[in-house]
Amino acid sequence: MKNRTVLLAALPVISFAFVAGSLMAEEKKPNTFVQMAQAQPDGMIPKAMVMGAVERTFDKVDTKKEGKLNAEQARQFQFFLKEFTRESGA
């Protein structure tokens, strides 16, 4: 019984890690907004590029293609944005 409880408790964490990892693996380099800006000839990142990255991420997390996110999908989206907006370390 305890093993089943542990397994059920771990399932959301495992699925979240899998989805978040998949989202980040699918994104092409550069993988942060800072790196996107650095990759531009003028060192500036256009608004359309930022919005496009956010929109693509939303669409990947919106697995039911409803145009809205439930709480779990919102957590996944928030995690991705947190990673994408961290400093690149460059």
PDB file of N, CA and C in Angstrom:
ATOM      1  N   MET A   1       0.822  -1.194   0.000  1.00  0.00           N
ATOM      2  CA  MET A   1       0.000   0.000   0.000  1.00  0.00           C
ATOM      3  C   MET A   1       0.867   1.260   0.000  1.00  0.00           C
ATOM      4  N   LYS A   2       1.944   1.256   0.821  1.00  0.00           N
ATOM      5  CA  LYS A   2       2.818   2.430   0.871  1.00  0.00           C
ATOM      6  C   LYS A   2       3.502   2.670  -0.472  1.00  0.00           C
ATOM      7  N   ASN A   3       3.943   1.581  -1.119  1.00  0.00           N
ATOM      8  CA  ASN A   3       4.602   1.727  -2.412  1.00  0.00           C
ATOM      9  C   ASN A   3       3.670   2.358  -3.439  1.00  0.00           C
ATOM     10  N   ARG A   4       2.416   1.952  -3.404  1.00  0.00           N
ATOM     11  CA  ARG A   4       1.435   2.511  -4.341  1.00  0.00           C
ATOM     12  C   ARG A   4       1.220   4.001  -4.063  1.00  0.00           C
ATOM     13  N   THR A   5       1.160   4.372  -2.790  1.00  0.00           N
ATOM     14  CA  THR A   5       0.979   5.776  -2.413  1.00  0.00           C
ATOM     15  C   THR A   5       2.166   6.608  -2.871  1.00  0.00           C
ATOM     16  N   VAL A   6       3.362   6.090  -2.668  1.00  0.00           N
ATOM     17  CA  VAL A   6       4.575   6.802  -3.094  1.00  0.00           C
ATOM     18  C   VAL A   6       4.580   6.958  -4.605  1.00  0.00           C
ATOM     19  N   LEU A   7       4.236   5.900  -5.303  1.00  0.00           N
ATOM     20  CA  LEU A   7       4.190   5.950  -6.757  1.00  0.00           C
ATOM     21  C   LEU A   7       3.170   6.970  -7.249  1.00  0.00           C
ATOM     22  N   LEU A   8       1.990   6.970  -6.660  1.00  0.00           N
ATOM     23  CA  LEU A   8       0.959   7.934  -7.058  1.00  0.00           C
ATOM     24  C   LEU A   8       1.374   9.361  -6.736  1.00  0.00           C
ATOM     25  N   ALA A   9       2.057   9.551  -5.626  1.00  0.00           N
ATOM     26  CA  ALA A   9       2.515  10.891  -5.261  1.00  0.00           C
ATOM     27  C   ALA A   9       3.614  11.371  -6.195  1.00  0.00           C
ATOM     28  N   ALA A  10       4.446  10.454  -6.680  1.00  0.00           N
ATOM     29  CA  ALA A  10       5.562  10.824  -7.548  1.00  0.00           C
ATOM     30  C   ALA A  10       5.136  11.044  -8.996  1.00  0.00           C
ATOM     31  N   LEU A  11       4.015  10.511  -9.393  1.00  0.00           N
ATOM     32  CA  LEU A  11       3.572  10.594 -10.778  1.00  0.00           C
ATOM     33  C   LEU A  11       3.470  12.023 -11.319  1.00  0.00           C
ATOM     34  N   PRO A  12       2.833  12.962 -10.624  1.00  0.00           N
ATOM     35  CA  PRO A  12       2.771  14.328 -11.151  1.00  0.00           C
ATOM     36  C   PRO A  12       4.153  14.970 -11.309  1.00  0.00           C
ATOM     37  N   VAL A  13       5.038  14.695 -10.377  1.00  0.00           N
ATOM     38  CA  VAL A  13       6.393  15.264 -10.450  1.00  0.00           C
ATOM     39  C   VAL A  13       7.135  14.707 -11.655  1.00  0.00           C
ATOM     40  N   ILE A  14       7.023  13.406 -11.853  1.00  0.00           N
ATOM     41  CA  ILE A  14       7.693  12.768 -12.986  1.00  0.00           C
ATOM     42  C   ILE A  14       7.130  13.286 -14.308  1.00  0.00           C
ATOM     43  N   SER A  15       5.810  13.384 -14.401  1.00  0.00           N
ATOM     44  CA  SER A  15       5.208  13.862 -15.648  1.00  0.00           C
ATOM     45  C   SER A  15       5.565  15.316 -15.906  1.00  0.00           C
ATOM     46  N   PHE A  16       5.596  16.126 -14.850  1.00  0.00           N
ATOM     47  CA  PHE A  16       5.988  17.521 -15.009  1.00  0.00           C
ATOM     48  C   PHE A  16       7.423  17.628 -15.525  1.00  0.00           C
ATOM     49  N   ALA A  17       8.328  16.859 -14.935  1.00  0.00           N
ATOM     50  CA  ALA A  17       9.728  16.887 -15.362  1.00  0.00           C
ATOM     51  C   ALA A  17       9.854  16.439 -16.810  1.00  0.00           C
ATOM     52  N   PHE A  18       9.110  15.441 -17.191  1.00  0.00           N
ATOM     53  CA  PHE A  18       9.158  14.950 -18.563  1.00  0.00           C
ATOM     54  C   PHE A  18       8.675  16.005 -19.554  1.00  0.00           C
ATOM     55  N   VAL A  19       7.531  16.615 -19.258  1.00  0.00           N
ATOM     56  CA  VAL A  19       6.978  17.626 -20.169  1.00  0.00           C
ATOM     57  C   VAL A  19       7.878  18.846 -20.236  1.00  0.00           C
ATOM     58  N   ALA A  20       8.342  19.316 -19.087  1.00  0.00           N
ATOM     59  CA  ALA A  20       9.217  20.487 -19.068  1.00  0.00           C
ATOM     60  C   ALA A  20      10.504  20.196 -19.835  1.00  0.00           C
ATOM     61  N   GLY A  21      11.056  19.012 -19.631  1.00  0.00           N
ATOM     62  CA  GLY A  21      12.269  18.629 -20.359  1.00  0.00           C
ATOM     63  C   GLY A  21      12.023  18.558 -21.848  1.00  0.00           C
ATOM     64  N   SER A  22      10.876  18.032 -22.235  1.00  0.00           N
ATOM     65  CA  SER A  22      10.533  17.946 -23.651  1.00  0.00           C
ATOM     66  C   SER A  22      10.398  19.325 -24.267  1.00  0.00           C
ATOM     67  N   LEU A  23       9.754  20.218 -23.552  1.00  0.00           N
ATOM     68  CA  LEU A  23       9.575  21.576 -24.072  1.00  0.00           C
ATOM     69  C   LEU A  23      10.917  22.249 -24.290  1.00  0.00           C
ATOM     70  N   MET A  24      11.776  22.106 -23.324  1.00  0.00           N
ATOM     71  CA  MET A  24      13.065  22.774 -23.425  1.00  0.00           C
ATOM     72  C   MET A  24      13.941  22.107 -24.473  1.00  0.00           C
ATOM     73  N   ALA A  25      13.838  20.804 -24.642  1.00  0.00           N
ATOM     74  CA  ALA A  25      14.634  20.103 -25.637  1.00  0.00           C
ATOM     75  C   ALA A  25      14.183  20.465 -27.052  1.00  0.00           C
ATOM     76  N   GLU A  26      12.891  20.730 -27.227  1.00  0.00           N
ATOM     77  CA  GLU A  26      12.369  21.053 -28.548  1.00  0.00           C
ATOM     78  C   GLU A  26      12.749  22.460 -29.000  1.00  0.00           C
ATOM     79  N   GLU A  27      12.990  23.345 -28.052  1.00  0.00           N
ATOM     80  CA  GLU A  27      13.363  24.697 -28.413  1.00  0.00           C
ATOM     81  C   GLU A  27      14.754  24.699 -29.022  1.00  0.00           C
ATOM     82  N   LYS A  28      14.923  25.446 -30.069  1.00  0.00           N
ATOM     83  CA  LYS A  28      16.224  25.580 -30.716  1.00  0.00           C
ATOM     84  C   LYS A  28      17.069  26.564 -29.923  1.00  0.00           C
ATOM     85  N   LYS A  29      18.374  26.432 -30.046  1.00  0.00           N
ATOM     86  CA  LYS A  29      19.267  27.423 -29.454  1.00  0.00           C
ATOM     87  C   LYS A  29      19.006  28.735 -30.161  1.00  0.00           C
ATOM     88  N   PRO A  30      19.105  29.853 -29.555  1.00  0.00           N
ATOM     89  CA  PRO A  30      19.399  30.108 -28.154  1.00  0.00           C
ATOM     90  C   PRO A  30      18.222  29.753 -27.259  1.00  0.00           C
ATOM     91  N   ASN A  31      18.513  29.454 -25.995  1.00  0.00           N
ATOM     92  CA  ASN A  31      17.446  28.988 -25.122  1.00  0.00           C
ATOM     93  C   ASN A  31      17.085  29.958 -24.003  1.00  0.00           C
ATOM     94  N   THR A  32      17.558  31.183 -24.049  1.00  0.00           N
ATOM     95  CA  THR A  32      17.107  32.224 -23.126  1.00  0.00           C
ATOM     96  C   THR A  32      16.899  33.504 -23.927  1.00  0.00           C
ATOM     97  N   PHE A  33      16.129  34.420 -23.353  1.00  0.00           N
ATOM     98  CA  PHE A  33      15.914  35.698 -24.035  1.00  0.00           C
ATOM     99  C   PHE A  33      17.227  36.453 -24.205  1.00  0.00           C
ATOM    100  N   VAL A  34      18.114  36.360 -23.220  1.00  0.00           N
ATOM    101  CA  VAL A  34      19.420  37.029 -23.317  1.00  0.00           C
ATOM    102  C   VAL A  34      20.189  36.476 -24.507  1.00  0.00           C
ATOM    103  N   GLN A  35      20.202  35.159 -24.646  1.00  0.00           N
ATOM    104  CA  GLN A  35      20.907  34.554 -25.776  1.00  0.00           C
ATOM    105  C   GLN A  35      20.251  34.914 -27.106  1.00  0.00           C
ATOM    106  N   MET A  36      18.926  35.026 -27.117  1.00  0.00           N
ATOM    107  CA  MET A  36      18.236  35.446 -28.339  1.00  0.00           C
ATOM    108  C   MET A  36      18.685  36.851 -28.739  1.00  0.00           C
ATOM    109  N   ALA A  37      18.774  37.730 -27.770  1.00  0.00           N
ATOM    110  CA  ALA A  37      19.219  39.103 -28.061  1.00  0.00           C
ATOM    111  C   ALA A  37      20.658  39.104 -28.547  1.00  0.00           C
ATOM    112  N   GLN A  38      21.502  38.325 -27.887  1.00  0.00           N
ATOM    113  CA  GLN A  38      22.916  38.278 -28.279  1.00  0.00           C
ATOM    114  C   GLN A  38      23.095  37.720 -29.685  1.00  0.00           C
ATOM    115  N   ALA A  39      22.167  36.883 -30.129  1.00  0.00           N
ATOM    116  CA  ALA A  39      22.263  36.278 -31.454  1.00  0.00           C
ATOM    117  C   ALA A  39      21.847  37.241 -32.567  1.00  0.00           C
ATOM    118  N   GLN A  40      21.220  38.350 -32.213  1.00  0.00           N
ATOM    119  CA  GLN A  40      20.775  39.320 -33.211  1.00  0.00           C
ATOM    120  C   GLN A  40      21.945  40.216 -33.628  1.00  0.00           C
ATOM    121  N   PRO A  41      21.988  40.619 -34.883  1.00  0.00           N
ATOM    122  CA  PRO A  41      23.096  41.469 -35.354  1.00  0.00           C
ATOM    123  C   PRO A  41      23.248  42.768 -34.553  1.00  0.00           C
ATOM    124  N   ASP A  42      22.127  43.353 -34.123  1.00  0.00           N
ATOM    125  CA  ASP A  42      22.204  44.609 -33.378  1.00  0.00           C
ATOM    126  C   ASP A  42      22.157  44.396 -31.863  1.00  0.00           C
ATOM    127  N   GLY A  43      22.100  43.119 -31.432  1.00  0.00           N
ATOM    128  CA  GLY A  43      22.057  42.819 -30.005  1.00  0.00           C
ATOM    129  C   GLY A  43      20.713  43.098 -29.354  1.00  0.00           C
ATOM    130  N   MET A  44      19.705  43.347 -30.166  1.00  0.00           N
ATOM    131  CA  MET A  44      18.368  43.671 -29.659  1.00  0.00           C
ATOM    132  C   MET A  44      17.406  42.553 -30.074  1.00  0.00           C
ATOM    133  N   ILE A  45      16.495  42.215 -29.168  1.00  0.00           N
ATOM    134  CA  ILE A  45      15.505  41.184 -29.469  1.00  0.00           C
ATOM    135  C   ILE A  45      14.164  41.854 -29.768  1.00  0.00           C
ATOM    136  N   PRO A  46      13.625  41.621 -30.955  1.00  0.00           N
ATOM    137  CA  PRO A  46      12.345  42.245 -31.313  1.00  0.00           C
ATOM    138  C   PRO A  46      11.179  41.665 -30.505  1.00  0.00           C
ATOM    139  N   LYS A  47      10.194  42.493 -30.246  1.00  0.00           N
ATOM    140  CA  LYS A  47       9.007  42.069 -29.510  1.00  0.00           C
ATOM    141  C   LYS A  47       8.352  40.866 -30.187  1.00  0.00           C
ATOM    142  N   ALA A  48       8.290  40.876 -31.509  1.00  0.00           N
ATOM    143  CA  ALA A  48       7.659  39.777 -32.237  1.00  0.00           C
ATOM    144  C   ALA A  48       8.361  38.452 -31.965  1.00  0.00           C
ATOM    145  N   MET A  49       9.675  38.470 -31.780  1.00  0.00           N
ATOM    146  CA  MET A  49      10.424  37.254 -31.495  1.00  0.00           C
ATOM    147  C   MET A  49      10.095  36.733 -30.092  1.00  0.00           C
ATOM    148  N   VAL A  50      10.004  37.642 -29.129  1.00  0.00           N
ATOM    149  CA  VAL A  50       9.647  37.261 -27.759  1.00  0.00           C
ATOM    150  C   VAL A  50       8.236  36.690 -27.730  1.00  0.00           C
ATOM    151  N   MET A  51       7.309  37.394 -28.344  1.00  0.00           N
ATOM    152  CA  MET A  51       5.914  36.954 -28.338  1.00  0.00           C
ATOM    153  C   MET A  51       5.765  35.612 -29.070  1.00  0.00           C
ATOM    154  N   GLY A  52       6.528  35.427 -30.139  1.00  0.00           N
ATOM    155  CA  GLY A  52       6.485  34.164 -30.869  1.00  0.00           C
ATOM    156  C   GLY A  52       6.958  33.002 -30.005  1.00  0.00           C
ATOM    157  N   ALA A  53       8.035  33.222 -29.246  1.00  0.00           N
ATOM    158  CA  ALA A  53       8.546  32.172 -28.355  1.00  0.00           C
ATOM    159  C   ALA A  53       7.528  31.839 -27.271  1.00  0.00           C
ATOM    160  N   VAL A  54       6.895  32.860 -26.708  1.00  0.00           N
ATOM    161  CA  VAL A  54       5.889  32.642 -25.671  1.00  0.00           C
ATOM    162  C   VAL A  54       4.677  31.917 -26.266  1.00  0.00           C
ATOM    163  N   GLU A  55       4.261  32.324 -27.440  1.00  0.00           N
ATOM    164  CA  GLU A  55       3.093  31.702 -28.083  1.00  0.00           C
ATOM    165  C   GLU A  55       3.356  30.235 -28.434  1.00  0.00           C
ATOM    166  N   ARG A  56       4.541  29.936 -28.970  1.00  0.00           N
ATOM    167  CA  ARG A  56       4.874  28.547 -29.295  1.00  0.00           C
ATOM    168  C   ARG A  56       4.876  27.686 -28.035  1.00  0.00           C
ATOM    169  N   THR A  57       5.405  28.231 -26.952  1.00  0.00           N
ATOM    170  CA  THR A  57       5.446  27.500 -25.690  1.00  0.00           C
ATOM    171  C   THR A  57       4.030  27.262 -25.172  1.00  0.00           C
ATOM    172  N   PHE A  58       3.196  28.282 -25.216  1.00  0.00           N
ATOM    173  CA  PHE A  58       1.800  28.138 -24.782  1.00  0.00           C
ATOM    174  C   PHE A  58       1.126  27.024 -25.581  1.00  0.00           C
ATOM    175  N   ASP A  59       1.317  27.042 -26.891  1.00  0.00           N
ATOM    176  CA  ASP A  59       0.684  26.050 -27.754  1.00  0.00           C
ATOM    177  C   ASP A  59       1.163  24.631 -27.443  1.00  0.00           C
ATOM    178  N   LYS A  60       2.433  24.480 -27.076  1.00  0.00           N
ATOM    179  CA  LYS A  60       2.955  23.153 -26.730  1.00  0.00           C
ATOM    180  C   LYS A  60       2.368  22.659 -25.421  1.00  0.00           C
ATOM    181  N   VAL A  61       2.187  23.550 -24.464  1.00  0.00           N
ATOM    182  CA  VAL A  61       1.658  23.174 -23.160  1.00  0.00           C
ATOM    183  C   VAL A  61       0.146  22.943 -23.232  1.00  0.00           C
ATOM    184  N   ASP A  62      -0.532  23.658 -24.117  1.00  0.00           N
ATOM    185  CA  ASP A  62      -1.984  23.513 -24.303  1.00  0.00           C
ATOM    186  C   ASP A  62      -2.242  22.254 -25.125  1.00  0.00           C
ATOM    187  N   THR A  63      -2.077  21.105 -24.482  1.00  0.00           N
ATOM    188  CA  THR A  63      -2.137  19.824 -25.184  1.00  0.00           C
ATOM    189  C   THR A  63      -3.517  19.512 -25.759  1.00  0.00           C
ATOM    190  N   LYS A  64      -4.562  20.067 -25.179  1.00  0.00           N
ATOM    191  CA  LYS A  64      -5.916  19.830 -25.689  1.00  0.00           C
ATOM    192  C   LYS A  64      -6.308  20.855 -26.758  1.00  0.00           C
ATOM    193  N   LYS A  65      -5.430  21.803 -27.035  1.00  0.00           N
ATOM    194  CA  LYS A  65      -5.649  22.842 -28.048  1.00  0.00           C
ATOM    195  C   LYS A  65      -6.951  23.596 -27.801  1.00  0.00           C
ATOM    196  N   GLU A  66      -7.143  24.000 -26.522  1.00  0.00           N
ATOM    197  CA  GLU A  66      -8.345  24.732 -26.130  1.00  0.00           C
ATOM    198  C   GLU A  66      -8.124  26.245 -26.111  1.00  0.00           C
ATOM    199  N   GLY A  67      -6.877  26.675 -26.226  1.00  0.00           N
ATOM    200  CA  GLY A  67      -6.591  28.095 -26.126  1.00  0.00           C
ATOM    201  C   GLY A  67      -6.576  28.598 -24.698  1.00  0.00           C
ATOM    202  N   LYS A  68      -6.502  27.652 -23.750  1.00  0.00           N
ATOM    203  CA  LYS A  68      -6.418  28.008 -22.332  1.00  0.00           C
ATOM    204  C   LYS A  68      -5.708  26.869 -21.609  1.00  0.00           C
ATOM    205  N   LEU A  69      -5.189  27.184 -20.406  1.00  0.00           N
ATOM    206  CA  LEU A  69      -4.401  26.221 -19.648  1.00  0.00           C
ATOM    207  C   LEU A  69      -5.082  25.885 -18.334  1.00  0.00           C
ATOM    208  N   ASN A  70      -5.038  24.609 -17.958  1.00  0.00           N
ATOM    209  CA  ASN A  70      -5.498  24.244 -16.624  1.00  0.00           C
ATOM    210  C   ASN A  70      -4.342  24.484 -15.643  1.00  0.00           C
ATOM    211  N   ALA A  71      -4.546  24.182 -14.378  1.00  0.00           N
ATOM    212  CA  ALA A  71      -3.532  24.492 -13.363  1.00  0.00           C
ATOM    213  C   ALA A  71      -2.215  23.778 -13.633  1.00  0.00           C
ATOM    214  N   GLU A  72      -2.254  22.513 -14.004  1.00  0.00           N
ATOM    215  CA  GLU A  72      -1.015  21.765 -14.271  1.00  0.00           C
ATOM    216  C   GLU A  72      -0.301  22.318 -15.498  1.00  0.00           C
ATOM    217  N   GLN A  73      -1.038  22.615 -16.541  1.00  0.00           N
ATOM    218  CA  GLN A  73      -0.439  23.187 -17.739  1.00  0.00           C
ATOM    219  C   GLN A  73       0.153  24.559 -17.430  1.00  0.00           C
ATOM    220  N   ALA A  74      -0.529  25.331 -16.600  1.00  0.00           N
ATOM    221  CA  ALA A  74      -0.019  26.655 -16.216  1.00  0.00           C
ATOM    222  C   ALA A  74       1.293  26.526 -15.454  1.00  0.00           C
ATOM    223  N   ARG A  75       1.402  25.499 -14.595  1.00  0.00           N
ATOM    224  CA  ARG A  75       2.663  25.257 -13.878  1.00  0.00           C
ATOM    225  C   ARG A  75       3.787  24.946 -14.863  1.00  0.00           C
ATOM    226  N   GLN A  76       3.487  24.118 -15.851  1.00  0.00           N
ATOM    227  CA  GLN A  76       4.487  23.768 -16.862  1.00  0.00           C
ATOM    228  C   GLN A  76       4.910  25.006 -17.653  1.00  0.00           C
ATOM    229  N   PHE A  77       3.935  25.823 -18.022  1.00  0.00           N
ATOM    230  CA  PHE A  77       4.216  27.051 -18.765  1.00  0.00           C
ATOM    231  C   PHE A  77       5.053  28.005 -17.922  1.00  0.00           C
ATOM    232  N   GLN A  78       4.707  28.145 -16.659  1.00  0.00           N
ATOM    233  CA  GLN A  78       5.440  29.020 -15.749  1.00  0.00           C
ATOM    234  C   GLN A  78       6.884  28.534 -15.586  1.00  0.00           C
ATOM    235  N   PHE A  79       7.064  27.224 -15.456  1.00  0.00           N
ATOM    236  CA  PHE A  79       8.403  26.663 -15.327  1.00  0.00           C
ATOM    237  C   PHE A  79       9.226  26.991 -16.563  1.00  0.00           C
ATOM    238  N   PHE A  80       8.651  26.799 -17.742  1.00  0.00           N
ATOM    239  CA  PHE A  80       9.372  27.093 -18.975  1.00  0.00           C
ATOM    240  C   PHE A  80       9.773  28.566 -19.036  1.00  0.00           C
ATOM    241  N   LEU A  81       8.833  29.459 -18.718  1.00  0.00           N
ATOM    242  CA  LEU A  81       9.159  30.885 -18.759  1.00  0.00           C
ATOM    243  C   LEU A  81      10.248  31.251 -17.758  1.00  0.00           C
ATOM    244  N   LYS A  82      10.216  30.633 -16.594  1.00  0.00           N
ATOM    245  CA  LYS A  82      11.256  30.887 -15.588  1.00  0.00           C
ATOM    246  C   LYS A  82      12.623  30.490 -16.140  1.00  0.00           C
ATOM    247  N   GLU A  83      12.700  29.335 -16.774  1.00  0.00           N
ATOM    248  CA  GLU A  83      13.969  28.883 -17.353  1.00  0.00           C
ATOM    249  C   GLU A  83      14.385  29.780 -18.517  1.00  0.00           C
ATOM    250  N   PHE A  84      13.419  30.179 -19.325  1.00  0.00           N
ATOM    251  CA  PHE A  84      13.737  30.971 -20.523  1.00  0.00           C
ATOM    252  C   PHE A  84      14.186  32.380 -20.173  1.00  0.00           C
ATOM    253  N   THR A  85      13.741  32.888 -19.030  1.00  0.00           N
ATOM    254  CA  THR A  85      14.086  34.260 -18.666  1.00  0.00           C
ATOM    255  C   THR A  85      15.284  34.350 -17.716  1.00  0.00           C
ATOM    256  N   ARG A  86      15.852  33.199 -17.358  1.00  0.00           N
ATOM    257  CA  ARG A  86      17.046  33.250 -16.497  1.00  0.00           C
ATOM    258  C   ARG A  86      18.220  33.816 -17.284  1.00  0.00           C
ATOM    259  N   GLU A  87      19.208  34.286 -16.568  1.00  0.00           N
ATOM    260  CA  GLU A  87      20.400  34.797 -17.253  1.00  0.00           C
ATOM    261  C   GLU A  87      21.099  33.678 -17.985  1.00  0.00           C
ATOM    262  N   SER A  88      21.679  33.982 -19.112  1.00  0.00           N
ATOM    263  CA  SER A  88      22.297  32.952 -19.937  1.00  0.00           C
ATOM    264  C   SER A  88      23.668  32.525 -19.435  1.00  0.00           C
ATOM    265  N   GLY A  89      24.304  33.335 -18.628  1.00  0.00           N
ATOM    266  CA  GLY A  89      25.623  33.003 -18.133  1.00  0.00           C
ATOM    267  C   GLY A  89      26.722  33.316 -19.139  1.00  0.00           C
ATOM    268  N   ALA A  90      26.346  33.947 -20.233  1.00  0.00           N
ATOM    269  CA  ALA A  90      27.332  34.278 -21.266  1.00  0.00           C
ATOM    270  C   ALA A  90      28.144  35.496 -20.892  1.00  0.00           C
TER     271      ALA A  90
END
